[in-house]
Amino acid sequence: MLDTNTVSHLVKGRLGMLDRLSRRAPSEIVISVVTEDELRFGLAKRPEATRLKTIASEFLQRVTVLAWQSSTAQTYVDLRARLEGAGEVVGTLDLLIGAHALDAGAILVSNDAGFNKIGELQIQDWTTKTI
């Protein structure tokens, strides 16, 4: 599952990221509906970015967007309660994406260190040189 920062790197054409994406089967590439929301909101704030909107639209047509399910909501609630109880703070949208990845049994592709607070989350950082 690609997080919002990763999708942003891809949409902006960062070559290392595009290379890693090209080595994956299309069925392996998914995003959370929360990431779709963040991507669309970011574009809505930049009405002049027509080229970026076109690229993002093409990306969204090619990627599988996972819908939010009741089981995802339960994973989110359990995760949030546990983290807050431990005094850990994770941004709301990141927490939603992390819970979605956990519920889907997906590896989260992200370079956002905030996700490291979700200990059971499997994370890959495609911005580094090694896979």
N, C-alpha and C. Protein backbone atom coordinates (compact mmCIF):
# COMPACT_ATOMS: atom_id res chain seq x y z
N MET A 1 0.86 -1.17 0.00
CA MET A 1 0.00 0.00 0.00
C MET A 1 0.91 1.23 0.00
N LEU A 2 0.67 2.12 -0.94
CA LEU A 2 1.45 3.35 -1.04
C LEU A 2 0.81 4.43 -0.18
N ASP A 3 1.62 5.11 0.63
CA ASP A 3 1.07 6.21 1.41
C ASP A 3 1.09 7.49 0.56
N THR A 4 0.58 8.55 1.10
CA THR A 4 0.41 9.80 0.35
C THR A 4 1.74 10.39 -0.10
N ASN A 5 2.76 10.36 0.76
CA ASN A 5 4.06 10.90 0.37
C ASN A 5 4.65 10.12 -0.81
N THR A 6 4.50 8.81 -0.77
CA THR A 6 5.01 7.98 -1.85
C THR A 6 4.29 8.28 -3.15
N VAL A 7 2.98 8.40 -3.09
CA VAL A 7 2.21 8.73 -4.29
C VAL A 7 2.64 10.09 -4.83
N SER A 8 2.87 11.03 -3.95
CA SER A 8 3.33 12.35 -4.38
C SER A 8 4.66 12.25 -5.12
N HIS A 9 5.59 11.47 -4.59
CA HIS A 9 6.88 11.26 -5.27
C HIS A 9 6.66 10.65 -6.66
N LEU A 10 5.77 9.68 -6.74
CA LEU A 10 5.51 9.01 -8.02
C LEU A 10 4.88 9.96 -9.04
N VAL A 11 3.88 10.70 -8.59
CA VAL A 11 3.17 11.62 -9.48
C VAL A 11 4.12 12.71 -9.99
N LYS A 12 5.06 13.10 -9.15
CA LYS A 12 6.03 14.12 -9.56
C LYS A 12 7.16 13.54 -10.40
N GLY A 13 7.13 12.22 -10.63
CA GLY A 13 8.07 11.59 -11.54
C GLY A 13 9.45 11.28 -10.98
N ARG A 14 9.56 11.10 -9.68
CA ARG A 14 10.86 10.77 -9.09
C ARG A 14 11.31 9.41 -9.63
N LEU A 15 12.41 9.40 -10.35
CA LEU A 15 12.83 8.23 -11.13
C LEU A 15 13.05 6.97 -10.31
N GLY A 16 13.72 7.06 -9.18
CA GLY A 16 13.94 5.88 -8.36
C GLY A 16 12.64 5.24 -7.93
N MET A 17 11.68 6.07 -7.62
CA MET A 17 10.37 5.58 -7.19
C MET A 17 9.64 4.91 -8.36
N LEU A 18 9.72 5.53 -9.53
CA LEU A 18 9.06 4.97 -10.71
C LEU A 18 9.67 3.62 -11.07
N ASP A 19 10.98 3.49 -10.91
CA ASP A 19 11.66 2.23 -11.19
C ASP A 19 11.15 1.14 -10.25
N ARG A 20 11.05 1.44 -8.98
CA ARG A 20 10.54 0.45 -8.03
C ARG A 20 9.09 0.08 -8.33
N LEU A 21 8.31 1.05 -8.70
CA LEU A 21 6.92 0.78 -9.04
C LEU A 21 6.83 -0.14 -10.26
N SER A 22 7.68 0.10 -11.24
CA SER A 22 7.63 -0.69 -12.47
C SER A 22 8.02 -2.15 -12.24
N ARG A 23 8.70 -2.45 -11.14
CA ARG A 23 9.10 -3.82 -10.83
C ARG A 23 8.03 -4.59 -10.06
N ARG A 24 6.90 -3.97 -9.85
CA ARG A 24 5.81 -4.62 -9.11
C ARG A 24 4.67 -4.97 -10.07
N ALA A 25 3.99 -6.05 -9.75
CA ALA A 25 2.79 -6.41 -10.50
C ALA A 25 1.72 -5.38 -10.19
N PRO A 26 0.91 -5.01 -11.17
CA PRO A 26 -0.15 -4.03 -10.91
C PRO A 26 -1.05 -4.42 -9.73
N SER A 27 -1.27 -5.71 -9.54
CA SER A 27 -2.13 -6.15 -8.44
C SER A 27 -1.52 -5.88 -7.07
N GLU A 28 -0.20 -5.64 -7.02
CA GLU A 28 0.47 -5.36 -5.76
C GLU A 28 0.37 -3.90 -5.35
N ILE A 29 -0.04 -3.05 -6.27
CA ILE A 29 -0.04 -1.61 -6.01
C ILE A 29 -1.44 -1.16 -5.64
N VAL A 30 -1.58 -0.78 -4.37
CA VAL A 30 -2.87 -0.29 -3.87
C VAL A 30 -2.63 0.96 -3.04
N ILE A 31 -3.68 1.74 -2.88
CA ILE A 31 -3.66 2.87 -1.96
C ILE A 31 -4.93 2.82 -1.13
N SER A 32 -4.89 3.48 -0.01
CA SER A 32 -6.08 3.64 0.82
C SER A 32 -6.95 4.75 0.23
N VAL A 33 -8.22 4.65 0.45
CA VAL A 33 -9.12 5.73 0.05
C VAL A 33 -8.73 7.03 0.76
N VAL A 34 -8.09 6.92 1.93
CA VAL A 34 -7.61 8.11 2.65
C VAL A 34 -6.51 8.79 1.83
N THR A 35 -5.63 8.01 1.23
CA THR A 35 -4.59 8.57 0.37
C THR A 35 -5.21 9.24 -0.86
N GLU A 36 -6.22 8.61 -1.43
CA GLU A 36 -6.92 9.25 -2.55
C GLU A 36 -7.48 10.59 -2.11
N ASP A 37 -8.10 10.63 -0.94
CA ASP A 37 -8.64 11.89 -0.41
C ASP A 37 -7.55 12.95 -0.30
N GLU A 38 -6.42 12.58 0.29
CA GLU A 38 -5.33 13.54 0.48
C GLU A 38 -4.78 14.03 -0.86
N LEU A 39 -4.64 13.12 -1.80
CA LEU A 39 -4.15 13.49 -3.13
C LEU A 39 -5.11 14.47 -3.81
N ARG A 40 -6.38 14.14 -3.80
CA ARG A 40 -7.37 15.02 -4.44
C ARG A 40 -7.46 16.38 -3.75
N PHE A 41 -7.35 16.39 -2.41
CA PHE A 41 -7.39 17.65 -1.68
C PHE A 41 -6.18 18.52 -2.02
N GLY A 42 -5.01 17.90 -2.07
CA GLY A 42 -3.80 18.64 -2.43
C GLY A 42 -3.91 19.27 -3.80
N LEU A 43 -4.50 18.55 -4.73
CA LEU A 43 -4.69 19.08 -6.09
C LEU A 43 -5.75 20.18 -6.11
N ALA A 44 -6.78 20.04 -5.30
CA ALA A 44 -7.83 21.05 -5.25
C ALA A 44 -7.30 22.39 -4.75
N LYS A 45 -6.26 22.32 -3.91
CA LYS A 45 -5.65 23.55 -3.41
C LYS A 45 -4.75 24.22 -4.44
N ARG A 46 -4.48 23.51 -5.54
CA ARG A 46 -3.59 24.05 -6.58
C ARG A 46 -4.28 23.99 -7.94
N PRO A 47 -5.31 24.81 -8.15
CA PRO A 47 -6.07 24.74 -9.40
C PRO A 47 -5.22 25.01 -10.64
N GLU A 48 -4.10 25.70 -10.48
CA GLU A 48 -3.25 26.01 -11.62
C GLU A 48 -2.39 24.82 -12.06
N ALA A 49 -2.33 23.76 -11.26
CA ALA A 49 -1.45 22.61 -11.53
C ALA A 49 -2.15 21.61 -12.45
N THR A 50 -2.47 22.03 -13.65
CA THR A 50 -3.24 21.19 -14.57
C THR A 50 -2.46 19.95 -15.01
N ARG A 51 -1.17 20.08 -15.25
CA ARG A 51 -0.37 18.92 -15.67
C ARG A 51 -0.32 17.88 -14.54
N LEU A 52 -0.11 18.36 -13.34
CA LEU A 52 -0.07 17.47 -12.17
C LEU A 52 -1.42 16.78 -11.97
N LYS A 53 -2.50 17.50 -12.20
CA LYS A 53 -3.84 16.91 -12.07
C LYS A 53 -4.05 15.80 -13.10
N THR A 54 -3.56 16.01 -14.31
CA THR A 54 -3.68 14.99 -15.35
C THR A 54 -2.91 13.74 -14.97
N ILE A 55 -1.69 13.91 -14.50
CA ILE A 55 -0.86 12.77 -14.10
C ILE A 55 -1.50 12.04 -12.92
N ALA A 56 -1.98 12.79 -11.94
CA ALA A 56 -2.62 12.18 -10.77
C ALA A 56 -3.88 11.42 -11.17
N SER A 57 -4.65 11.99 -12.08
CA SER A 57 -5.86 11.33 -12.55
C SER A 57 -5.53 10.01 -13.25
N GLU A 58 -4.50 10.01 -14.07
CA GLU A 58 -4.08 8.78 -14.75
C GLU A 58 -3.60 7.74 -13.73
N PHE A 59 -2.87 8.20 -12.72
CA PHE A 59 -2.42 7.30 -11.67
C PHE A 59 -3.61 6.66 -10.97
N LEU A 60 -4.60 7.46 -10.60
CA LEU A 60 -5.77 6.95 -9.88
C LEU A 60 -6.58 5.97 -10.73
N GLN A 61 -6.54 6.13 -12.04
CA GLN A 61 -7.25 5.19 -12.92
C GLN A 61 -6.55 3.84 -12.98
N ARG A 62 -5.25 3.82 -12.69
CA ARG A 62 -4.46 2.59 -12.83
C ARG A 62 -4.24 1.84 -11.51
N VAL A 63 -4.47 2.51 -10.41
CA VAL A 63 -4.19 1.90 -9.10
C VAL A 63 -5.49 1.43 -8.46
N THR A 64 -5.38 0.40 -7.65
CA THR A 64 -6.54 -0.07 -6.89
C THR A 64 -6.66 0.77 -5.62
N VAL A 65 -7.82 1.36 -5.42
CA VAL A 65 -8.09 2.14 -4.21
C VAL A 65 -8.92 1.27 -3.28
N LEU A 66 -8.35 0.95 -2.11
CA LEU A 66 -9.06 0.11 -1.16
C LEU A 66 -10.08 0.93 -0.38
N ALA A 67 -11.29 0.44 -0.36
CA ALA A 67 -12.37 1.11 0.37
C ALA A 67 -12.23 0.85 1.86
N TRP A 68 -12.83 1.73 2.64
CA TRP A 68 -12.86 1.61 4.10
C TRP A 68 -13.95 0.61 4.46
N GLN A 69 -13.62 -0.39 5.26
CA GLN A 69 -14.56 -1.43 5.66
C GLN A 69 -14.81 -1.33 7.17
N SER A 70 -15.82 -2.02 7.65
CA SER A 70 -16.07 -2.07 9.09
C SER A 70 -14.88 -2.65 9.84
N SER A 71 -14.23 -3.66 9.24
CA SER A 71 -13.06 -4.26 9.90
C SER A 71 -11.91 -3.25 9.97
N THR A 72 -11.81 -2.37 8.98
CA THR A 72 -10.79 -1.33 9.00
C THR A 72 -11.06 -0.35 10.12
N ALA A 73 -12.33 -0.01 10.30
CA ALA A 73 -12.71 0.90 11.38
C ALA A 73 -12.34 0.29 12.73
N GLN A 74 -12.58 -1.01 12.90
CA GLN A 74 -12.24 -1.66 14.17
C GLN A 74 -10.73 -1.68 14.38
N THR A 75 -9.98 -1.94 13.32
CA THR A 75 -8.51 -1.92 13.43
C THR A 75 -8.05 -0.53 13.83
N TYR A 76 -8.64 0.50 13.24
CA TYR A 76 -8.29 1.88 13.57
C TYR A 76 -8.58 2.19 15.04
N VAL A 77 -9.77 1.82 15.49
CA VAL A 77 -10.18 2.10 16.87
C VAL A 77 -9.23 1.41 17.86
N ASP A 78 -8.94 0.14 17.62
CA ASP A 78 -8.05 -0.60 18.50
C ASP A 78 -6.65 0.01 18.51
N LEU A 79 -6.15 0.35 17.33
CA LEU A 79 -4.82 0.94 17.21
C LEU A 79 -4.75 2.30 17.88
N ARG A 80 -5.73 3.12 17.63
CA ARG A 80 -5.74 4.46 18.23
C ARG A 80 -5.80 4.39 19.75
N ALA A 81 -6.66 3.53 20.27
CA ALA A 81 -6.78 3.39 21.73
C ALA A 81 -5.46 2.92 22.33
N ARG A 82 -4.81 1.96 21.69
CA ARG A 82 -3.55 1.44 22.21
C ARG A 82 -2.46 2.51 22.17
N LEU A 83 -2.33 3.20 21.05
CA LEU A 83 -1.30 4.23 20.92
C LEU A 83 -1.53 5.39 21.89
N GLU A 84 -2.77 5.86 21.96
CA GLU A 84 -3.07 6.96 22.88
C GLU A 84 -2.83 6.54 24.33
N GLY A 85 -3.19 5.29 24.65
CA GLY A 85 -2.97 4.79 25.99
C GLY A 85 -1.49 4.72 26.35
N ALA A 86 -0.65 4.53 25.33
CA ALA A 86 0.80 4.47 25.54
C ALA A 86 1.46 5.84 25.42
N GLY A 87 0.63 6.87 25.18
CA GLY A 87 1.16 8.22 25.05
C GLY A 87 1.81 8.50 23.71
N GLU A 88 1.57 7.65 22.72
CA GLU A 88 2.13 7.83 21.38
C GLU A 88 1.19 8.68 20.54
N VAL A 89 1.74 9.62 19.80
CA VAL A 89 0.93 10.47 18.94
C VAL A 89 1.28 10.19 17.48
N VAL A 90 0.26 9.87 16.71
CA VAL A 90 0.40 9.69 15.26
C VAL A 90 -0.67 10.56 14.64
N GLY A 91 -0.31 11.30 13.61
CA GLY A 91 -1.28 12.16 12.94
C GLY A 91 -2.51 11.38 12.51
N THR A 92 -3.65 12.04 12.56
CA THR A 92 -4.92 11.36 12.29
C THR A 92 -4.95 10.65 10.94
N LEU A 93 -4.56 11.34 9.88
CA LEU A 93 -4.62 10.71 8.56
C LEU A 93 -3.61 9.59 8.44
N ASP A 94 -2.42 9.76 9.02
CA ASP A 94 -1.43 8.68 9.02
C ASP A 94 -1.94 7.48 9.80
N LEU A 95 -2.62 7.74 10.90
CA LEU A 95 -3.18 6.65 11.70
C LEU A 95 -4.25 5.90 10.90
N LEU A 96 -5.06 6.62 10.17
CA LEU A 96 -6.08 5.99 9.32
C LEU A 96 -5.42 5.13 8.23
N ILE A 97 -4.39 5.66 7.60
CA ILE A 97 -3.69 4.90 6.54
C ILE A 97 -2.98 3.69 7.14
N GLY A 98 -2.31 3.88 8.27
CA GLY A 98 -1.64 2.76 8.92
C GLY A 98 -2.61 1.66 9.31
N ALA A 99 -3.74 2.03 9.87
CA ALA A 99 -4.76 1.05 10.24
C ALA A 99 -5.29 0.33 9.00
N HIS A 100 -5.44 1.07 7.91
CA HIS A 100 -5.93 0.47 6.67
C HIS A 100 -4.94 -0.56 6.15
N ALA A 101 -3.65 -0.22 6.20
CA ALA A 101 -2.62 -1.17 5.76
C ALA A 101 -2.62 -2.42 6.64
N LEU A 102 -2.73 -2.23 7.95
CA LEU A 102 -2.79 -3.38 8.85
C LEU A 102 -3.99 -4.26 8.55
N ASP A 103 -5.15 -3.65 8.39
CA ASP A 103 -6.37 -4.41 8.13
C ASP A 103 -6.29 -5.16 6.81
N ALA A 104 -5.63 -4.56 5.83
CA ALA A 104 -5.50 -5.20 4.51
C ALA A 104 -4.37 -6.21 4.47
N GLY A 105 -3.56 -6.26 5.54
CA GLY A 105 -2.41 -7.16 5.53
C GLY A 105 -1.36 -6.72 4.54
N ALA A 106 -1.26 -5.41 4.32
CA ALA A 106 -0.37 -4.86 3.31
C ALA A 106 0.90 -4.29 3.93
N ILE A 107 1.96 -4.29 3.14
CA ILE A 107 3.17 -3.57 3.49
C ILE A 107 2.93 -2.12 3.10
N LEU A 108 3.23 -1.19 4.00
CA LEU A 108 3.05 0.23 3.70
C LEU A 108 4.35 0.78 3.13
N VAL A 109 4.26 1.39 1.97
CA VAL A 109 5.42 2.02 1.34
C VAL A 109 5.38 3.50 1.72
N SER A 110 6.37 3.90 2.55
CA SER A 110 6.39 5.25 3.09
C SER A 110 7.78 5.62 3.56
N ASN A 111 8.09 6.90 3.49
CA ASN A 111 9.32 7.40 4.11
C ASN A 111 8.98 8.31 5.30
N ASP A 112 7.76 8.23 5.78
CA ASP A 112 7.28 9.02 6.91
C ASP A 112 7.59 8.27 8.21
N ALA A 113 8.51 8.80 9.01
CA ALA A 113 8.95 8.16 10.24
C ALA A 113 7.81 8.01 11.26
N GLY A 114 6.75 8.79 11.13
CA GLY A 114 5.63 8.69 12.06
C GLY A 114 4.99 7.31 12.08
N PHE A 115 5.08 6.60 10.97
CA PHE A 115 4.49 5.26 10.91
C PHE A 115 5.26 4.26 11.75
N ASN A 116 6.51 4.56 12.10
CA ASN A 116 7.31 3.65 12.91
C ASN A 116 6.72 3.45 14.30
N LYS A 117 5.86 4.35 14.74
CA LYS A 117 5.21 4.21 16.04
C LYS A 117 4.18 3.09 16.05
N ILE A 118 3.79 2.66 14.86
CA ILE A 118 2.84 1.55 14.73
C ILE A 118 3.70 0.30 14.55
N GLY A 119 4.13 -0.26 15.66
CA GLY A 119 5.14 -1.32 15.68
C GLY A 119 4.86 -2.51 14.80
N GLU A 120 3.62 -2.94 14.71
CA GLU A 120 3.31 -4.14 13.94
C GLU A 120 3.17 -3.88 12.44
N LEU A 121 3.26 -2.63 12.03
CA LEU A 121 3.12 -2.26 10.63
C LEU A 121 4.40 -2.58 9.87
N GLN A 122 4.28 -3.30 8.76
CA GLN A 122 5.42 -3.57 7.89
C GLN A 122 5.59 -2.38 6.96
N ILE A 123 6.81 -1.84 6.91
CA ILE A 123 7.06 -0.62 6.14
C ILE A 123 8.25 -0.82 5.21
N GLN A 124 8.11 -0.29 3.99
CA GLN A 124 9.23 -0.20 3.05
C GLN A 124 9.39 1.26 2.67
N ASP A 125 10.63 1.69 2.55
CA ASP A 125 10.93 3.06 2.13
C ASP A 125 11.57 3.01 0.75
N TRP A 126 10.82 3.40 -0.26
CA TRP A 126 11.33 3.36 -1.63
C TRP A 126 12.21 4.56 -1.96
N THR A 127 12.39 5.48 -1.01
CA THR A 127 13.26 6.62 -1.28
C THR A 127 14.72 6.27 -0.99
N THR A 128 14.96 5.10 -0.38
CA THR A 128 16.32 4.66 -0.11
C THR A 128 16.83 3.87 -1.31
N LYS A 129 18.11 3.60 -1.36
CA LYS A 129 18.71 2.92 -2.50
C LYS A 129 18.46 1.42 -2.53
N THR A 130 18.17 0.79 -1.40
CA THR A 130 17.95 -0.64 -1.38
C THR A 130 16.48 -0.95 -1.17
N ILE A 131 16.09 -2.12 -1.63
CA ILE A 131 14.70 -2.56 -1.49
C ILE A 131 14.56 -3.38 -0.23
